[in-house]
Each structure stands twice: as structure tokens, then as C-alpha cells.
Amino acid sequence: MLAELEAEPRINNIKRKEEHNDMSEVLLNQEQIKEIIPHRDPFLLIDEVLEMEIGKKIVARKYMKEDDYWFKGHFPEKPVTPGVLMIEMLAQAGAVCILSQPEFKGKIALFAGIDKAKFRRQVVPGDVLDLEVEIIAQRGPMGIGKAVASVGGKKAVTCEIKFAVEQ
């Protein structure tokens, strides 16, 4: 198992929150994220991973662009990111963290539930959304992640996401 982790040094590196800011070093870019999770455009909703402790926690980022497809209809005069999409962004970040474990390589992580979801602020074009997920419980292929999405350090969404890794 240790040899497998050493074979992927970009994932094995652990970055700490204190080390990243707007000019963060990227641990995984979108192409590397696609090697871990099966999501593709237009539904790959994270742009980069800034830090990760495999199977424990992750910090990812989404840059909200004016041409993101949901802004065309939600709402044309006052574009706002739908809360459910922000929860999906958090889930995708959590999936990268879980599926980076050697025993889950090549698998798919599915939603098993969403609890305690709170939407605290609007997220609009031009915002940079930081996505933090900490795995607080895991038993085999099932688990729970505590998730926070924030813009400039201000919470936008908080929730607990339950997952199941497809066997």
C-alpha cells in the first residue's frame, strides 16, 4: 500500500491551509482531477485541489465564471449559483479525497444523503469558491463528510454529505 502512495507523489503531498491564498500552489489541476473522479463537462464542477490528506480532508476551488451554464437561467438579471450545485461541488471535492485511496481507485462515489444544509450567502460570477470537506466518519465504502463552501473566508454553504462508494 505504501508503494502505491509513493507511486503518486502529487497526491501524497499534503498542503496545509495556512500555505494557500489567492496565489495558491495547485496540488491537482482539472486534468488530474479527471483521473480520480468520472465527472466531465458540463458537470465537472471543481477546478483545482489545493490541499489533501487522502481519505481525511480536502480543499478544492471553483472559479465562478460569467459564462458558467447555470447563470444563463438562474437568474438572467441577477445571476446566482444554485445552492444544490454548490453542494454537488462539495461532494465532488469529497469524492476526490475518498477515491484517492488505493482501495477505491477507479470506483464511483455516490450521494447517500445530505444533512444540516444551510445556505448563508449568494455566490455570483467572479467569486472564488473554496470547498473544504473533512471526512468525519467512514466504515468501509460508506461515510460522512463535514463540508463548507466559502468565498473570501465567509461561509456560503455548510452541510454534511453522506457517501457510498460503488462496489
Protein backbone atom coordinates (compact mmCIF):
# COMPACT_ATOMS: atom_id res chain seq x y z
CA MET A 1 0.00 0.00 0.00
CA LEU A 2 2.82 2.42 0.83
CA ALA A 3 4.40 1.73 -2.55
CA GLU A 4 1.15 2.69 -4.29
CA LEU A 5 1.04 6.02 -2.44
CA GLU A 6 4.67 6.71 -3.30
CA ALA A 7 3.89 6.00 -6.96
CA GLU A 8 1.59 9.06 -6.98
CA PRO A 9 3.68 11.77 -5.28
CA ARG A 10 1.42 14.65 -6.43
CA ILE A 11 -1.42 13.18 -4.34
CA ASN A 12 0.75 12.09 -1.43
CA ASN A 13 1.89 15.69 -0.83
CA ILE A 14 -0.05 17.29 1.98
CA LYS A 15 -0.54 21.04 1.81
CA ARG A 16 -1.72 22.94 4.84
CA LYS A 17 -4.47 25.60 4.84
CA GLU A 18 -2.07 28.23 6.15
CA GLU A 19 0.00 27.82 2.97
CA HIS A 20 -2.66 28.80 0.46
CA ASN A 21 -4.18 32.10 -0.51
CA ASP A 22 -5.35 33.56 -3.82
CA MET A 23 -1.99 32.65 -5.39
CA SER A 24 -2.08 29.08 -4.07
CA GLU A 25 0.07 26.30 -5.36
CA VAL A 26 -2.21 23.81 -7.07
CA LEU A 27 -1.89 20.21 -5.88
CA LEU A 28 -4.17 18.79 -8.61
CA ASN A 29 -5.37 20.54 -11.76
CA GLN A 30 -8.61 19.66 -13.56
CA GLU A 31 -6.95 17.06 -15.80
CA GLN A 32 -5.53 15.29 -12.74
CA ILE A 33 -8.94 15.51 -11.02
CA LYS A 34 -10.44 13.70 -14.05
CA GLU A 35 -8.04 10.81 -13.38
CA ILE A 36 -9.76 10.32 -10.00
CA ILE A 37 -13.46 11.10 -10.49
CA PRO A 38 -15.58 10.29 -13.58
CA HIS A 39 -17.27 13.72 -13.90
CA ARG A 40 -16.86 15.58 -17.18
CA ASP A 41 -18.05 18.86 -18.69
CA PRO A 42 -20.53 20.29 -18.24
CA PHE A 43 -20.82 18.60 -14.83
CA LEU A 44 -17.23 18.61 -13.58
CA LEU A 45 -17.69 21.41 -11.05
CA ILE A 46 -14.29 21.77 -9.37
CA ASP A 47 -11.31 23.46 -10.98
CA GLU A 48 -8.40 22.51 -8.73
CA VAL A 49 -7.33 20.90 -5.48
CA LEU A 50 -5.16 23.00 -3.16
CA GLU A 51 -4.57 20.54 -0.33
CA MET A 52 -5.47 16.99 0.54
CA GLU A 53 -4.91 14.35 3.17
CA ILE A 54 -6.04 11.24 1.32
CA GLY A 55 -9.21 9.83 2.86
CA LYS A 56 -9.29 12.54 5.55
CA LYS A 57 -9.72 16.08 4.17
CA ILE A 58 -9.50 18.19 1.07
CA VAL A 59 -9.59 21.83 0.00
CA ALA A 60 -10.63 22.41 -3.61
CA ARG A 61 -11.62 25.51 -5.54
CA LYS A 62 -14.18 26.58 -8.14
CA TYR A 63 -13.80 29.83 -10.07
CA MET A 64 -17.26 31.22 -10.84
CA LYS A 65 -17.20 32.44 -14.41
CA GLU A 66 -19.83 34.64 -16.02
CA ASP A 67 -20.33 32.03 -18.74
CA ASP A 68 -20.99 29.11 -16.34
CA TYR A 69 -24.10 27.46 -17.79
CA TRP A 70 -26.37 27.92 -14.75
CA PHE A 71 -26.06 31.70 -14.73
CA LYS A 72 -27.98 31.95 -18.03
CA GLY A 73 -31.20 30.83 -16.36
CA HIS A 74 -30.62 31.33 -12.60
CA PHE A 75 -31.28 34.29 -12.83
CA PRO A 76 -30.58 36.23 -16.06
CA GLU A 77 -30.88 39.69 -14.48
CA LYS A 78 -29.16 38.70 -11.21
CA PRO A 79 -27.06 35.55 -11.68
CA VAL A 80 -26.72 33.41 -8.54
CA THR A 81 -25.18 29.94 -8.19
CA PRO A 82 -27.87 27.40 -7.19
CA GLY A 83 -27.31 26.04 -3.69
CA VAL A 84 -27.73 22.44 -4.84
CA LEU A 85 -24.86 22.92 -7.31
CA MET A 86 -22.62 24.18 -4.51
CA ILE A 87 -23.46 21.02 -2.55
CA GLU A 88 -22.55 19.00 -5.66
CA MET A 89 -19.23 20.90 -5.84
CA LEU A 90 -18.55 19.94 -2.23
CA ALA A 91 -19.50 16.32 -2.99
CA GLN A 92 -17.11 16.23 -5.96
CA ALA A 93 -14.29 17.54 -3.77
CA GLY A 94 -15.10 14.90 -1.16
CA ALA A 95 -15.15 12.24 -3.89
CA VAL A 96 -11.61 13.20 -4.95
CA CYS A 97 -10.48 12.77 -1.32
CA ILE A 98 -12.17 9.37 -0.88
CA LEU A 99 -11.43 7.95 -4.34
CA SER A 100 -7.72 8.81 -3.98
CA GLN A 101 -7.46 5.92 -1.53
CA PRO A 102 -5.87 2.92 -3.29
CA GLU A 103 -8.76 0.58 -2.39
CA PHE A 104 -11.25 2.89 -4.17
CA LYS A 105 -9.22 3.68 -7.29
CA GLY A 106 -11.43 3.56 -10.39
CA LYS A 107 -14.68 3.45 -8.38
CA ILE A 108 -17.58 5.91 -8.28
CA ALA A 109 -18.68 7.71 -5.09
CA LEU A 110 -22.43 8.30 -4.86
CA PHE A 111 -24.56 10.53 -2.63
CA ALA A 112 -26.18 8.64 0.23
CA GLY A 113 -27.65 11.73 1.91
CA ILE A 114 -27.36 15.41 2.72
CA ASP A 115 -27.93 16.69 6.26
CA LYS A 116 -27.80 20.05 8.03
CA ALA A 117 -27.56 22.05 4.79
CA LYS A 118 -27.52 25.82 5.28
CA PHE A 119 -27.14 28.45 2.60
CA ARG A 120 -25.56 31.57 4.09
CA ARG A 121 -24.66 33.89 1.20
CA GLN A 122 -25.09 34.24 -2.54
CA VAL A 123 -22.29 33.14 -4.84
CA VAL A 124 -22.10 35.14 -8.06
CA PRO A 125 -19.93 35.37 -11.20
CA GLY A 126 -16.38 36.41 -10.34
CA ASP A 127 -16.42 34.74 -6.90
CA VAL A 128 -13.80 32.16 -5.97
CA LEU A 129 -15.47 29.35 -4.03
CA ASP A 130 -13.26 27.37 -1.65
CA LEU A 131 -14.58 23.88 -0.97
CA GLU A 132 -13.49 22.13 2.22
CA VAL A 133 -14.54 18.61 3.14
CA GLU A 134 -13.40 16.72 6.22
CA ILE A 135 -14.28 13.04 6.44
CA ILE A 136 -15.70 12.68 9.96
CA ALA A 137 -16.81 9.03 9.76
CA GLN A 138 -16.08 6.14 7.45
CA ARG A 139 -16.87 2.46 7.64
CA GLY A 140 -15.77 0.56 4.57
CA PRO A 141 -17.26 2.16 1.47
CA MET A 142 -19.71 4.38 3.40
CA GLY A 143 -19.03 7.63 5.20
CA ILE A 144 -19.88 11.19 6.16
CA GLY A 145 -18.09 14.42 5.29
CA LYS A 146 -18.44 17.78 7.03
CA ALA A 147 -18.48 20.30 4.20
CA VAL A 148 -18.03 24.08 3.99
CA ALA A 149 -18.03 26.26 0.87
CA SER A 150 -16.77 29.81 1.36
CA VAL A 151 -15.92 32.96 -0.55
CA GLY A 152 -13.13 35.11 0.87
CA GLY A 153 -13.34 33.27 4.19
CA LYS A 154 -17.11 33.87 4.52
CA LYS A 155 -19.26 30.74 4.63
CA ALA A 156 -21.67 30.32 1.74
CA VAL A 157 -22.83 26.73 2.35
CA THR A 158 -22.41 24.27 5.19
CA CYS A 159 -23.67 20.69 5.27
CA GLU A 160 -22.90 17.07 6.00
CA ILE A 161 -22.70 14.83 2.97
CA LYS A 162 -23.11 11.07 3.21
CA PHE A 163 -21.46 8.93 0.54
CA ALA A 164 -21.29 5.36 -0.65
CA VAL A 165 -18.53 4.07 -2.91
CA GLU A 166 -19.96 1.83 -5.59
CA GLN A 167 -18.67 -1.72 -5.23
